[in-house]
């Protein structure tokens, strides 16, 4: 019931935002010229994100930006198509990137507990060996066609170890001292496809660009849970974000930078962390229509089981004047939490 309520709440918020944006366009269209831009974007990324198995994500997003005034800009981003080629019970998409997690007690509630071992030597809940299950594994769980990710059959070895311990210590001491932990299995469900989460953001330019000072803008927004949390395409919770952006133009060069604090909603079954994300970009106008940009971006870890992000990217933009702007870029991940590679193709047109 809760999951359905959150999905309906996300859809209701999305419809409200769309209604607000369309109403503003209709009102302003009859009074003064206010900019509206539409930006479709197709992206691909792949990497193991520190988990050992490669996950590939494909998404198509559509962003609409509307200038409410000279200082205020409202943006709405929807993701009509989101595809992940491999999904796991301990992975969820946060801001479009796979994040590993465990539940609030230290174990993922979706994992099957089938092995026992001492919990005293180098055991870290949530970290799993990279071994895939077999047809025999699947048959042992009622004939399910799901793969088992991270399964090792140590039952006999664990039993022998417990027997050895029991003979070397009094049984009372064993009951009081020995801690038996259940090793987790991560269930692999295969691919998942659906819509992604929706983001509404409001930006306010507080300082206009001057000869020696950059333009400074503050922004805040919400991520609405329109993605299917059962498929791992989202958390099913509303997130908030607040940040600041700076930009400065110097002849044929432009500099942009920003930092955002992401406040994540609290899922019922597992824990996520709030985190900072930041970016920096330096761009050069090679010709009147062609611009090349070098980008560096990073983000903190969204959970204790995941790693932070750091990536270096290169982007090419071609201004087709009245026909809009075409862009294409590639990023190389420099940290375990980043995809190995990220590719994006975009287009922007203003009205």
C-alpha atoms as a PDB file:
ATOM      1  CA  UNK A   1       0.000   0.000   0.000  1.00  0.00           C
ATOM      2  CA  UNK A   2       2.764   2.476   0.912  1.00  0.00           C
ATOM      3  CA  UNK A   3       4.546   1.938  -2.396  1.00  0.00           C
ATOM      4  CA  UNK A   4       1.378   2.653  -4.361  1.00  0.00           C
ATOM      5  CA  UNK A   5       0.710   5.760  -2.272  1.00  0.00           C
ATOM      6  CA  UNK A   6       4.170   7.115  -2.965  1.00  0.00           C
ATOM      7  CA  UNK A   7       3.811   6.434  -6.698  1.00  0.00           C
ATOM      8  CA  UNK A   8       0.457   8.215  -6.806  1.00  0.00           C
ATOM      9  CA  UNK A   9       1.892  11.109  -4.801  1.00  0.00           C
ATOM     10  CA  UNK A  10       4.777  11.418  -7.247  1.00  0.00           C
ATOM     11  CA  UNK A  11       2.423  11.437 -10.231  1.00  0.00           C
ATOM     12  CA  UNK A  12       0.214  14.043  -8.547  1.00  0.00           C
ATOM     13  CA  UNK A  13       3.199  16.302  -7.859  1.00  0.00           C
ATOM     14  CA  UNK A  14       4.378  15.861 -11.449  1.00  0.00           C
ATOM     15  CA  UNK A  15       0.978  16.832 -12.847  1.00  0.00           C
ATOM     16  CA  UNK A  16       0.901  19.865 -10.554  1.00  0.00           C
ATOM     17  CA  UNK A  17       4.336  20.987 -11.753  1.00  0.00           C
ATOM     18  CA  UNK A  18       3.354  20.508 -15.410  1.00  0.00           C
ATOM     19  CA  UNK A  19       0.160  22.492 -14.850  1.00  0.00           C
ATOM     20  CA  UNK A  20       2.103  25.299 -13.174  1.00  0.00           C
ATOM     21  CA  UNK A  21       4.636  25.444 -16.003  1.00  0.00           C
ATOM     22  CA  UNK A  22       2.019  25.407 -18.771  1.00  0.00           C
ATOM     23  CA  UNK A  23      -0.056  28.079 -17.017  1.00  0.00           C
ATOM     24  CA  UNK A  24       2.976  30.334 -16.686  1.00  0.00           C
ATOM     25  CA  UNK A  25       3.765  29.933 -20.396  1.00  0.00           C
ATOM     26  CA  UNK A  26       0.207  30.812 -21.420  1.00  0.00           C
ATOM     27  CA  UNK A  27       0.089  33.900 -19.194  1.00  0.00           C
ATOM     28  CA  UNK A  28       3.499  35.241 -20.208  1.00  0.00           C
ATOM     29  CA  UNK A  29       3.058  34.495 -23.909  1.00  0.00           C
ATOM     30  CA  UNK A  30       0.477  37.232 -24.220  1.00  0.00           C
ATOM     31  CA  UNK A  31       2.487  39.889 -22.360  1.00  0.00           C
ATOM     32  CA  UNK A  32       6.192  39.643 -23.025  1.00  0.00           C
ATOM     33  CA  UNK A  33       8.759  37.380 -24.605  1.00  0.00           C
ATOM     34  CA  UNK A  34      10.064  34.900 -22.020  1.00  0.00           C
ATOM     35  CA  UNK A  35      12.481  32.122 -22.996  1.00  0.00           C
ATOM     36  CA  UNK A  36      11.411  28.490 -23.101  1.00  0.00           C
ATOM     37  CA  UNK A  37      13.907  25.775 -24.002  1.00  0.00           C
ATOM     38  CA  UNK A  38      13.404  22.053 -24.593  1.00  0.00           C
ATOM     39  CA  UNK A  39      16.340  19.661 -24.142  1.00  0.00           C
ATOM     40  CA  UNK A  40      15.993  15.961 -25.043  1.00  0.00           C
ATOM     41  CA  UNK A  41      18.979  13.813 -24.074  1.00  0.00           C
ATOM     42  CA  UNK A  42      20.019  10.186 -24.613  1.00  0.00           C
ATOM     43  CA  UNK A  43      22.708   8.721 -22.357  1.00  0.00           C
ATOM     44  CA  UNK A  44      24.529   5.429 -21.803  1.00  0.00           C
ATOM     45  CA  UNK A  45      26.795   4.427 -18.924  1.00  0.00           C
ATOM     46  CA  UNK A  46      28.391   1.221 -17.773  1.00  0.00           C
ATOM     47  CA  UNK A  47      30.615   0.099 -14.901  1.00  0.00           C
ATOM     48  CA  UNK A  48      30.771  -2.195 -11.874  1.00  0.00           C
ATOM     49  CA  UNK A  49      30.445   0.643  -9.319  1.00  0.00           C
ATOM     50  CA  UNK A  50      32.724  -1.243  -6.941  1.00  0.00           C
ATOM     51  CA  UNK A  51      30.479  -4.325  -6.936  1.00  0.00           C
ATOM     52  CA  UNK A  52      32.357  -6.610  -9.339  1.00  0.00           C
ATOM     53  CA  UNK A  53      29.676  -6.963 -12.023  1.00  0.00           C
ATOM     54  CA  UNK A  54      29.168  -4.587 -14.933  1.00  0.00           C
ATOM     55  CA  UNK A  55      25.822  -2.770 -14.983  1.00  0.00           C
ATOM     56  CA  UNK A  56      24.727  -0.853 -18.086  1.00  0.00           C
ATOM     57  CA  UNK A  57      22.112   1.895 -17.859  1.00  0.00           C
ATOM     58  CA  UNK A  58      20.366   3.617 -20.769  1.00  0.00           C
ATOM     59  CA  UNK A  59      18.084   6.605 -20.314  1.00  0.00           C
ATOM     60  CA  UNK A  60      16.200   9.157 -22.346  1.00  0.00           C
ATOM     61  CA  UNK A  61      15.307  12.392 -20.572  1.00  0.00           C
ATOM     62  CA  UNK A  62      13.433  15.525 -21.523  1.00  0.00           C
ATOM     63  CA  UNK A  63      14.099  18.846 -19.782  1.00  0.00           C
ATOM     64  CA  UNK A  64      12.004  21.993 -20.128  1.00  0.00           C
ATOM     65  CA  UNK A  65      13.385  25.292 -18.817  1.00  0.00           C
ATOM     66  CA  UNK A  66      11.208  28.359 -18.526  1.00  0.00           C
ATOM     67  CA  UNK A  67      12.340  31.882 -17.601  1.00  0.00           C
ATOM     68  CA  UNK A  68       9.726  33.152 -15.185  1.00  0.00           C
ATOM     69  CA  UNK A  69      11.550  36.497 -15.111  1.00  0.00           C
ATOM     70  CA  UNK A  70      15.030  37.876 -15.657  1.00  0.00           C
ATOM     71  CA  UNK A  71      16.159  36.310 -12.378  1.00  0.00           C
ATOM     72  CA  UNK A  72      13.978  33.209 -11.946  1.00  0.00           C
ATOM     73  CA  UNK A  73      14.085  29.998 -13.998  1.00  0.00           C
ATOM     74  CA  UNK A  74      11.909  26.933 -13.532  1.00  0.00           C
ATOM     75  CA  UNK A  75      13.014  23.569 -14.919  1.00  0.00           C
ATOM     76  CA  UNK A  76      11.264  20.228 -15.169  1.00  0.00           C
ATOM     77  CA  UNK A  77      13.048  16.990 -16.103  1.00  0.00           C
ATOM     78  CA  UNK A  78      11.184  13.782 -16.898  1.00  0.00           C
ATOM     79  CA  UNK A  79      12.649  10.406 -17.866  1.00  0.00           C
ATOM     80  CA  UNK A  80      10.192   8.602 -20.183  1.00  0.00           C
ATOM     81  CA  UNK A  81      12.608   5.709 -20.736  1.00  0.00           C
ATOM     82  CA  UNK A  82      15.053   4.072 -18.320  1.00  0.00           C
ATOM     83  CA  UNK A  83      16.652   0.655 -18.863  1.00  0.00           C
ATOM     84  CA  UNK A  84      19.093  -1.290 -16.710  1.00  0.00           C
ATOM     85  CA  UNK A  85      20.510  -4.502 -18.167  1.00  0.00           C
ATOM     86  CA  UNK A  86      21.198  -6.161 -14.804  1.00  0.00           C
ATOM     87  CA  UNK A  87      19.321  -5.551 -11.545  1.00  0.00           C
ATOM     88  CA  UNK A  88      20.225  -6.854  -8.110  1.00  0.00           C
ATOM     89  CA  UNK A  89      18.405  -6.837  -4.778  1.00  0.00           C
ATOM     90  CA  UNK A  90      21.170  -4.778  -3.157  1.00  0.00           C
ATOM     91  CA  UNK A  91      21.318  -2.106  -5.897  1.00  0.00           C
ATOM     92  CA  UNK A  92      19.027   0.894  -6.430  1.00  0.00           C
ATOM     93  CA  UNK A  93      19.282   3.819  -8.834  1.00  0.00           C
ATOM     94  CA  UNK A  94      19.942   7.130  -7.079  1.00  0.00           C
ATOM     95  CA  UNK A  95      20.094  10.146  -9.405  1.00  0.00           C
ATOM     96  CA  UNK A  96      20.308   7.638 -12.256  1.00  0.00           C
ATOM     97  CA  UNK A  97      23.380   5.826 -10.899  1.00  0.00           C
ATOM     98  CA  UNK A  98      23.499   2.337  -9.303  1.00  0.00           C
ATOM     99  CA  UNK A  99      24.092   2.426  -5.535  1.00  0.00           C
ATOM    100  CA  UNK A 100      24.761  -0.643  -3.358  1.00  0.00           C
ATOM    101  CA  UNK A 101      22.979  -0.861  -0.010  1.00  0.00           C
ATOM    102  CA  UNK A 102      22.071  -3.097   2.942  1.00  0.00           C
ATOM    103  CA  UNK A 103      19.082  -2.844   5.246  1.00  0.00           C
ATOM    104  CA  UNK A 104      18.969  -0.990   8.560  1.00  0.00           C
ATOM    105  CA  UNK A 105      20.021  -4.058  10.569  1.00  0.00           C
ATOM    106  CA  UNK A 106      23.076  -4.605   8.372  1.00  0.00           C
ATOM    107  CA  UNK A 107      21.483  -7.170   6.090  1.00  0.00           C
ATOM    108  CA  UNK A 108      19.499  -6.835   2.897  1.00  0.00           C
ATOM    109  CA  UNK A 109      15.960  -8.120   3.595  1.00  0.00           C
ATOM    110  CA  UNK A 110      15.707  -9.545   0.065  1.00  0.00           C
ATOM    111  CA  UNK A 111      18.778 -11.775   0.474  1.00  0.00           C
ATOM    112  CA  UNK A 112      18.271 -15.473   1.145  1.00  0.00           C
ATOM    113  CA  UNK A 113      20.177 -16.697   4.231  1.00  0.00           C
ATOM    114  CA  UNK A 114      21.606 -20.125   3.444  1.00  0.00           C
ATOM    115  CA  UNK A 115      25.144 -20.229   4.894  1.00  0.00           C
ATOM    116  CA  UNK A 116      26.565 -19.998   8.390  1.00  0.00           C
ATOM    117  CA  UNK A 117      30.060 -19.054   9.478  1.00  0.00           C
ATOM    118  CA  UNK A 118      31.953 -17.352  12.287  1.00  0.00           C
ATOM    119  CA  UNK A 119      31.517 -13.590  12.135  1.00  0.00           C
ATOM    120  CA  UNK A 120      34.907 -12.656  13.597  1.00  0.00           C
ATOM    121  CA  UNK A 121      37.357 -12.543  10.702  1.00  0.00           C
ATOM    122  CA  UNK A 122      37.220  -9.890   8.009  1.00  0.00           C
ATOM    123  CA  UNK A 123      33.461 -10.095   7.540  1.00  0.00           C
ATOM    124  CA  UNK A 124      31.800  -6.974   6.141  1.00  0.00           C
ATOM    125  CA  UNK A 125      28.019  -7.112   5.790  1.00  0.00           C
ATOM    126  CA  UNK A 126      26.930  -6.214   2.308  1.00  0.00           C
ATOM    127  CA  UNK A 127      30.135  -7.223   0.474  1.00  0.00           C
ATOM    128  CA  UNK A 128      29.690 -10.339  -1.625  1.00  0.00           C
ATOM    129  CA  UNK A 129      31.970 -12.574  -3.708  1.00  0.00           C
ATOM    130  CA  UNK A 130      31.471 -12.290  -7.447  1.00  0.00           C
ATOM    131  CA  UNK A 131      30.194 -15.752  -8.323  1.00  0.00           C
ATOM    132  CA  UNK A 132      27.058 -16.465 -10.315  1.00  0.00           C
ATOM    133  CA  UNK A 133      24.595 -19.213  -9.611  1.00  0.00           C
ATOM    134  CA  UNK A 134      23.875 -22.279 -11.741  1.00  0.00           C
ATOM    135  CA  UNK A 135      20.725 -24.060 -12.854  1.00  0.00           C
ATOM    136  CA  UNK A 136      21.123 -26.267  -9.779  1.00  0.00           C
ATOM    137  CA  UNK A 137      21.097 -23.161  -7.576  1.00  0.00           C
ATOM    138  CA  UNK A 138      17.896 -21.932  -9.182  1.00  0.00           C
ATOM    139  CA  UNK A 139      16.220 -25.337  -8.884  1.00  0.00           C
ATOM    140  CA  UNK A 140      16.990 -25.378  -5.145  1.00  0.00           C
ATOM    141  CA  UNK A 141      14.815 -22.274  -4.724  1.00  0.00           C
ATOM    142  CA  UNK A 142      11.590 -23.660  -6.098  1.00  0.00           C
ATOM    143  CA  UNK A 143      12.538 -23.652  -9.769  1.00  0.00           C
ATOM    144  CA  UNK A 144      12.923 -19.865  -9.985  1.00  0.00           C
ATOM    145  CA  UNK A 145      14.661 -18.604 -13.113  1.00  0.00           C
ATOM    146  CA  UNK A 146      16.437 -15.861 -11.171  1.00  0.00           C
ATOM    147  CA  UNK A 147      20.217 -16.015 -11.029  1.00  0.00           C
ATOM    148  CA  UNK A 148      22.086 -16.031  -7.757  1.00  0.00           C
ATOM    149  CA  UNK A 149      24.847 -13.447  -7.514  1.00  0.00           C
ATOM    150  CA  UNK A 150      27.501 -13.977  -4.868  1.00  0.00           C
ATOM    151  CA  UNK A 151      26.705 -17.569  -3.844  1.00  0.00           C
ATOM    152  CA  UNK A 152      29.360 -19.973  -2.457  1.00  0.00           C
ATOM    153  CA  UNK A 153      28.443 -23.347  -0.997  1.00  0.00           C
ATOM    154  CA  UNK A 154      30.392 -23.421   2.269  1.00  0.00           C
ATOM    155  CA  UNK A 155      27.847 -25.454   4.240  1.00  0.00           C
ATOM    156  CA  UNK A 156      30.064 -28.490   4.773  1.00  0.00           C
ATOM    157  CA  UNK A 157      33.108 -26.385   5.600  1.00  0.00           C
ATOM    158  CA  UNK A 158      31.152 -24.245   8.059  1.00  0.00           C
ATOM    159  CA  UNK A 159      29.684 -27.321   9.740  1.00  0.00           C
ATOM    160  CA  UNK A 160      33.151 -28.871  10.127  1.00  0.00           C
ATOM    161  CA  UNK A 161      34.462 -25.633  11.630  1.00  0.00           C
ATOM    162  CA  UNK A 162      31.615 -25.478  14.159  1.00  0.00           C
ATOM    163  CA  UNK A 163      32.155 -29.118  15.156  1.00  0.00           C
ATOM    164  CA  UNK A 164      35.859 -28.451  15.678  1.00  0.00           C
ATOM    165  CA  UNK A 165      35.090 -25.411  17.823  1.00  0.00           C
ATOM    166  CA  UNK A 166      32.549 -27.308  19.868  1.00  0.00           C
ATOM    167  CA  UNK A 167      35.075 -30.052  20.767  1.00  0.00           C
ATOM    168  CA  UNK A 168      37.745 -27.536  21.799  1.00  0.00           C
ATOM    169  CA  UNK A 169      35.522 -25.420  24.104  1.00  0.00           C
ATOM    170  CA  UNK A 170      32.769 -26.154  26.627  1.00  0.00           C
ATOM    171  CA  UNK A 171      29.295 -26.025  25.121  1.00  0.00           C
ATOM    172  CA  UNK A 172      28.234 -23.281  27.562  1.00  0.00           C
ATOM    173  CA  UNK A 173      31.093 -21.076  26.397  1.00  0.00           C
ATOM    174  CA  UNK A 174      30.156 -21.757  22.799  1.00  0.00           C
ATOM    175  CA  UNK A 175      26.597 -20.579  23.440  1.00  0.00           C
ATOM    176  CA  UNK A 176      27.837 -17.378  25.108  1.00  0.00           C
ATOM    177  CA  UNK A 177      30.850 -16.430  22.986  1.00  0.00           C
ATOM    178  CA  UNK A 178      30.462 -17.769  19.463  1.00  0.00           C
ATOM    179  CA  UNK A 179      28.563 -15.442  17.138  1.00  0.00           C
ATOM    180  CA  UNK A 180      26.940 -17.122  14.184  1.00  0.00           C
ATOM    181  CA  UNK A 181      26.211 -14.851  11.225  1.00  0.00           C
ATOM    182  CA  UNK A 182      24.196 -15.612   8.160  1.00  0.00           C
ATOM    183  CA  UNK A 183      25.920 -14.946   4.851  1.00  0.00           C
ATOM    184  CA  UNK A 184      23.782 -13.141   2.325  1.00  0.00           C
ATOM    185  CA  UNK A 185      22.989 -13.960  -1.240  1.00  0.00           C
ATOM    186  CA  UNK A 186      22.231 -11.234  -3.745  1.00  0.00           C
ATOM    187  CA  UNK A 187      19.454 -12.172  -6.141  1.00  0.00           C
ATOM    188  CA  UNK A 188      19.945 -11.085  -9.742  1.00  0.00           C
ATOM    189  CA  UNK A 189      16.650 -10.357 -11.488  1.00  0.00           C
ATOM    190  CA  UNK A 190      17.888  -9.576 -15.002  1.00  0.00           C
ATOM    191  CA  UNK A 191      16.975  -6.403 -16.881  1.00  0.00           C
ATOM    192  CA  UNK A 192      14.425  -3.757 -15.897  1.00  0.00           C
ATOM    193  CA  UNK A 193      12.729  -1.060 -17.975  1.00  0.00           C
ATOM    194  CA  UNK A 194      10.401   1.758 -17.011  1.00  0.00           C
ATOM    195  CA  UNK A 195      10.161   5.482 -16.452  1.00  0.00           C
ATOM    196  CA  UNK A 196      12.624   7.304 -14.237  1.00  0.00           C
ATOM    197  CA  UNK A 197      12.200   9.807 -11.448  1.00  0.00           C
ATOM    198  CA  UNK A 198      11.118  13.380 -12.156  1.00  0.00           C
ATOM    199  CA  UNK A 199      12.979  16.499 -11.013  1.00  0.00           C
ATOM    200  CA  UNK A 200      11.555  19.991 -10.499  1.00  0.00           C
ATOM    201  CA  UNK A 201      14.080  22.776  -9.876  1.00  0.00           C
ATOM    202  CA  UNK A 202      13.781  26.533  -9.316  1.00  0.00           C
ATOM    203  CA  UNK A 203      16.820  28.767  -9.883  1.00  0.00           C
ATOM    204  CA  UNK A 204      17.300  32.354  -8.693  1.00  0.00           C
ATOM    205  CA  UNK A 205      20.087  34.542 -10.064  1.00  0.00           C
ATOM    206  CA  UNK A 206      21.218  36.576  -7.059  1.00  0.00           C
ATOM    207  CA  UNK A 207      24.287  38.247  -8.620  1.00  0.00           C
ATOM    208  CA  UNK A 208      24.570  39.310 -12.231  1.00  0.00           C
ATOM    209  CA  UNK A 209      27.852  38.797 -14.039  1.00  0.00           C
ATOM    210  CA  UNK A 210      30.167  41.792 -13.946  1.00  0.00           C
ATOM    211  CA  UNK A 211      33.563  42.636 -15.316  1.00  0.00           C
ATOM    212  CA  UNK A 212      35.331  40.987 -12.394  1.00  0.00           C
ATOM    213  CA  UNK A 213      32.621  38.970 -10.694  1.00  0.00           C
ATOM    214  CA  UNK A 214      30.825  35.821 -11.865  1.00  0.00           C
ATOM    215  CA  UNK A 215      27.124  35.273 -12.149  1.00  0.00           C
ATOM    216  CA  UNK A 216      25.850  33.551  -9.010  1.00  0.00           C
ATOM    217  CA  UNK A 217      22.616  31.565  -8.845  1.00  0.00           C
ATOM    218  CA  UNK A 218      20.930  29.664  -6.041  1.00  0.00           C
ATOM    219  CA  UNK A 219      18.650  26.745  -6.787  1.00  0.00           C
ATOM    220  CA  UNK A 220      16.450  24.280  -4.965  1.00  0.00           C
ATOM    221  CA  UNK A 221      14.241  21.455  -6.075  1.00  0.00           C
ATOM    222  CA  UNK A 222      12.573  18.123  -5.523  1.00  0.00           C
ATOM    223  CA  UNK A 223      13.015  14.689  -7.024  1.00  0.00           C
ATOM    224  CA  UNK A 224       9.594  13.097  -7.386  1.00  0.00           C
ATOM    225  CA  UNK A 225       9.362   9.269  -7.065  1.00  0.00           C
ATOM    226  CA  UNK A 226       7.832   8.388 -10.428  1.00  0.00           C
ATOM    227  CA  UNK A 227      10.222   5.448 -11.042  1.00  0.00           C
ATOM    228  CA  UNK A 228       9.268   1.883 -10.092  1.00  0.00           C
ATOM    229  CA  UNK A 229      11.017   1.088  -6.809  1.00  0.00           C
ATOM    230  CA  UNK A 230      10.127  -2.618  -7.096  1.00  0.00           C
ATOM    231  CA  UNK A 231      12.351  -2.783 -10.188  1.00  0.00           C
ATOM    232  CA  UNK A 232      15.167  -0.883  -8.470  1.00  0.00           C
ATOM    233  CA  UNK A 233      14.754   2.083 -10.838  1.00  0.00           C
ATOM    234  CA  UNK A 234      14.243   4.466  -7.919  1.00  0.00           C
ATOM    235  CA  UNK A 235      13.926   4.640  -4.141  1.00  0.00           C
ATOM    236  CA  UNK A 236      10.222   5.459  -4.062  1.00  0.00           C
ATOM    237  CA  UNK A 237      10.876   8.511  -1.889  1.00  0.00           C
ATOM    238  CA  UNK A 238      10.886  12.269  -2.409  1.00  0.00           C
ATOM    239  CA  UNK A 239      14.381  13.807  -2.373  1.00  0.00           C
ATOM    240  CA  UNK A 240      15.329  17.467  -1.979  1.00  0.00           C
ATOM    241  CA  UNK A 241      18.297  19.378  -3.350  1.00  0.00           C
ATOM    242  CA  UNK A 242      19.775  22.834  -2.768  1.00  0.00           C
ATOM    243  CA  UNK A 243      22.827  24.331  -4.413  1.00  0.00           C
ATOM    244  CA  UNK A 244      24.727  27.247  -5.876  1.00  0.00           C
ATOM    245  CA  UNK A 245      26.091  27.761  -9.404  1.00  0.00           C
ATOM    246  CA  UNK A 246      28.681  30.212 -10.728  1.00  0.00           C
ATOM    247  CA  UNK A 247      29.491  31.177 -14.313  1.00  0.00           C
ATOM    248  CA  UNK A 248      31.882  33.630 -15.960  1.00  0.00           C
ATOM    249  CA  UNK A 249      32.731  34.458 -19.566  1.00  0.00           C
ATOM    250  CA  UNK A 250      36.198  35.635 -20.613  1.00  0.00           C
ATOM    251  CA  UNK A 251      36.375  36.455 -24.320  1.00  0.00           C
ATOM    252  CA  UNK A 252      36.304  33.031 -26.057  1.00  0.00           C
ATOM    253  CA  UNK A 253      36.372  31.149 -22.753  1.00  0.00           C
ATOM    254  CA  UNK A 254      33.640  30.357 -20.256  1.00  0.00           C
ATOM    255  CA  UNK A 255      33.913  28.968 -16.731  1.00  0.00           C
ATOM    256  CA  UNK A 256      31.135  27.177 -14.856  1.00  0.00           C
ATOM    257  CA  UNK A 257      31.045  25.513 -11.443  1.00  0.00           C
ATOM    258  CA  UNK A 258      28.465  24.404  -8.935  1.00  0.00           C
ATOM    259  CA  UNK A 259      27.853  22.456  -5.759  1.00  0.00           C
ATOM    260  CA  UNK A 260      24.622  20.778  -4.625  1.00  0.00           C
ATOM    261  CA  UNK A 261      23.557  19.153  -1.370  1.00  0.00           C
ATOM    262  CA  UNK A 262      21.269  16.173  -1.990  1.00  0.00           C
ATOM    263  CA  UNK A 263      18.854  15.268   0.816  1.00  0.00           C
ATOM    264  CA  UNK A 264      17.563  11.746   0.205  1.00  0.00           C
ATOM    265  CA  UNK A 265      14.269  10.357   1.440  1.00  0.00           C
ATOM    266  CA  UNK A 266      14.425   7.437   3.867  1.00  0.00           C
ATOM    267  CA  UNK A 267      13.417   4.084   2.334  1.00  0.00           C
ATOM    268  CA  UNK A 268      11.746   1.645   4.702  1.00  0.00           C
ATOM    269  CA  UNK A 269      14.029  -1.331   4.081  1.00  0.00           C
ATOM    270  CA  UNK A 270      17.526   0.121   3.678  1.00  0.00           C
ATOM    271  CA  UNK A 271      19.632   3.165   4.502  1.00  0.00           C
ATOM    272  CA  UNK A 272      20.902   5.913   2.227  1.00  0.00           C
ATOM    273  CA  UNK A 273      23.072   8.926   3.005  1.00  0.00           C
ATOM    274  CA  UNK A 274      22.713  12.568   2.072  1.00  0.00           C
ATOM    275  CA  UNK A 275      25.623  13.653  -0.089  1.00  0.00           C
ATOM    276  CA  UNK A 276      27.307  16.571  -1.844  1.00  0.00           C
ATOM    277  CA  UNK A 277      27.803  16.703  -5.608  1.00  0.00           C
ATOM    278  CA  UNK A 278      29.885  19.233  -7.522  1.00  0.00           C
ATOM    279  CA  UNK A 279      31.112  20.037 -11.012  1.00  0.00           C
ATOM    280  CA  UNK A 280      33.489  22.349 -12.816  1.00  0.00           C
ATOM    281  CA  UNK A 281      33.751  23.160 -16.518  1.00  0.00           C
ATOM    282  CA  UNK A 282      36.004  25.191 -18.756  1.00  0.00           C
ATOM    283  CA  UNK A 283      34.864  25.744 -22.355  1.00  0.00           C
ATOM    284  CA  UNK A 284      36.402  27.373 -25.394  1.00  0.00           C
ATOM    285  CA  UNK A 285      34.658  28.666 -28.527  1.00  0.00           C
ATOM    286  CA  UNK A 286      36.768  27.193 -31.308  1.00  0.00           C
ATOM    287  CA  UNK A 287      34.630  28.933 -33.949  1.00  0.00           C
ATOM    288  CA  UNK A 288      31.442  30.987 -33.892  1.00  0.00           C
ATOM    289  CA  UNK A 289      29.418  27.752 -33.901  1.00  0.00           C
ATOM    290  CA  UNK A 290      31.661  25.152 -32.239  1.00  0.00           C
ATOM    291  CA  UNK A 291      32.527  24.912 -28.554  1.00  0.00           C
ATOM    292  CA  UNK A 292      34.627  22.316 -26.708  1.00  0.00           C
ATOM    293  CA  UNK A 293      34.281  21.844 -22.944  1.00  0.00           C
ATOM    294  CA  UNK A 294      36.367  19.976 -20.365  1.00  0.00           C
ATOM    295  CA  UNK A 295      34.426  18.867 -17.300  1.00  0.00           C
ATOM    296  CA  UNK A 296      35.272  17.464 -13.875  1.00  0.00           C
ATOM    297  CA  UNK A 297      32.455  16.183 -11.667  1.00  0.00           C
ATOM    298  CA  UNK A 298      32.185  14.316  -8.403  1.00  0.00           C
ATOM    299  CA  UNK A 299      29.792  13.251  -5.669  1.00  0.00           C
ATOM    300  CA  UNK A 300      29.905  11.715  -2.225  1.00  0.00           C
ATOM    301  CA  UNK A 301      28.745   8.176  -1.501  1.00  0.00           C
ATOM    302  CA  UNK A 302      24.967   7.779  -1.291  1.00  0.00           C
ATOM    303  CA  UNK A 303      25.279   4.805   1.093  1.00  0.00           C
ATOM    304  CA  UNK A 304      27.814   3.154   3.381  1.00  0.00           C
ATOM    305  CA  UNK A 305      28.072   0.281   0.896  1.00  0.00           C
ATOM    306  CA  UNK A 306      28.834   2.464  -2.131  1.00  0.00           C
ATOM    307  CA  UNK A 307      31.757   4.648  -3.165  1.00  0.00           C
ATOM    308  CA  UNK A 308      32.016   8.290  -4.143  1.00  0.00           C
ATOM    309  CA  UNK A 309      32.051   9.484  -7.748  1.00  0.00           C
ATOM    310  CA  UNK A 310      34.715  11.323  -9.736  1.00  0.00           C
ATOM    311  CA  UNK A 311      34.738  11.659 -13.522  1.00  0.00           C
ATOM    312  CA  UNK A 312      36.549  13.606 -16.223  1.00  0.00           C
ATOM    313  CA  UNK A 313      34.587  14.466 -19.353  1.00  0.00           C
ATOM    314  CA  UNK A 314      34.882  16.083 -22.761  1.00  0.00           C
ATOM    315  CA  UNK A 315      31.931  17.606 -24.622  1.00  0.00           C
ATOM    316  CA  UNK A 316      31.448  19.039 -28.110  1.00  0.00           C
ATOM    317  CA  UNK A 317      28.663  21.556 -28.819  1.00  0.00           C
ATOM    318  CA  UNK A 318      27.537  22.768 -32.212  1.00  0.00           C
ATOM    319  CA  UNK A 319      25.307  25.839 -32.433  1.00  0.00           C
ATOM    320  CA  UNK A 320      22.910  25.588 -35.380  1.00  0.00           C
ATOM    321  CA  UNK A 321      21.463  29.030 -34.597  1.00  0.00           C
ATOM    322  CA  UNK A 322      17.672  29.027 -35.144  1.00  0.00           C
ATOM    323  CA  UNK A 323      17.683  25.229 -35.442  1.00  0.00           C
ATOM    324  CA  UNK A 324      19.026  24.738 -31.925  1.00  0.00           C
ATOM    325  CA  UNK A 325      22.206  23.277 -30.483  1.00  0.00           C
ATOM    326  CA  UNK A 326      23.582  19.743 -30.793  1.00  0.00           C
ATOM    327  CA  UNK A 327      25.922  18.275 -28.179  1.00  0.00           C
ATOM    328  CA  UNK A 328      27.812  15.036 -27.610  1.00  0.00           C
ATOM    329  CA  UNK A 329      30.090  14.045 -24.775  1.00  0.00           C
ATOM    330  CA  UNK A 330      31.973  11.263 -23.054  1.00  0.00           C
ATOM    331  CA  UNK A 331      33.173  10.827 -19.476  1.00  0.00           C
ATOM    332  CA  UNK A 332      35.754   8.514 -17.935  1.00  0.00           C
ATOM    333  CA  UNK A 333      35.176   7.402 -14.357  1.00  0.00           C
ATOM    334  CA  UNK A 334      38.082   8.019 -11.978  1.00  0.00           C
ATOM    335  CA  UNK A 335      36.530   6.481  -8.842  1.00  0.00           C
ATOM    336  CA  UNK A 336      34.830   3.175  -8.010  1.00  0.00           C
ATOM    337  CA  UNK A 337      31.456   4.844  -7.538  1.00  0.00           C
ATOM    338  CA  UNK A 338      31.489   6.294 -11.063  1.00  0.00           C
ATOM    339  CA  UNK A 339      30.635   4.414 -14.247  1.00  0.00           C
ATOM    340  CA  UNK A 340      33.651   3.275 -16.219  1.00  0.00           C
ATOM    341  CA  UNK A 341      32.341   5.302 -19.152  1.00  0.00           C
ATOM    342  CA  UNK A 342      29.417   7.628 -19.707  1.00  0.00           C
ATOM    343  CA  UNK A 343      28.244   8.803 -23.134  1.00  0.00           C
ATOM    344  CA  UNK A 344      25.573  11.392 -23.878  1.00  0.00           C
ATOM    345  CA  UNK A 345      23.942  12.894 -26.969  1.00  0.00           C
ATOM    346  CA  UNK A 346      21.765  15.955 -26.545  1.00  0.00           C
ATOM    347  CA  UNK A 347      19.854  18.652 -28.343  1.00  0.00           C
ATOM    348  CA  UNK A 348      18.497  22.004 -27.196  1.00  0.00           C
ATOM    349  CA  UNK A 349      16.131  24.449 -28.854  1.00  0.00           C
ATOM    350  CA  UNK A 350      14.778  27.751 -27.527  1.00  0.00           C
ATOM    351  CA  UNK A 351      11.507  29.502 -28.269  1.00  0.00           C
END
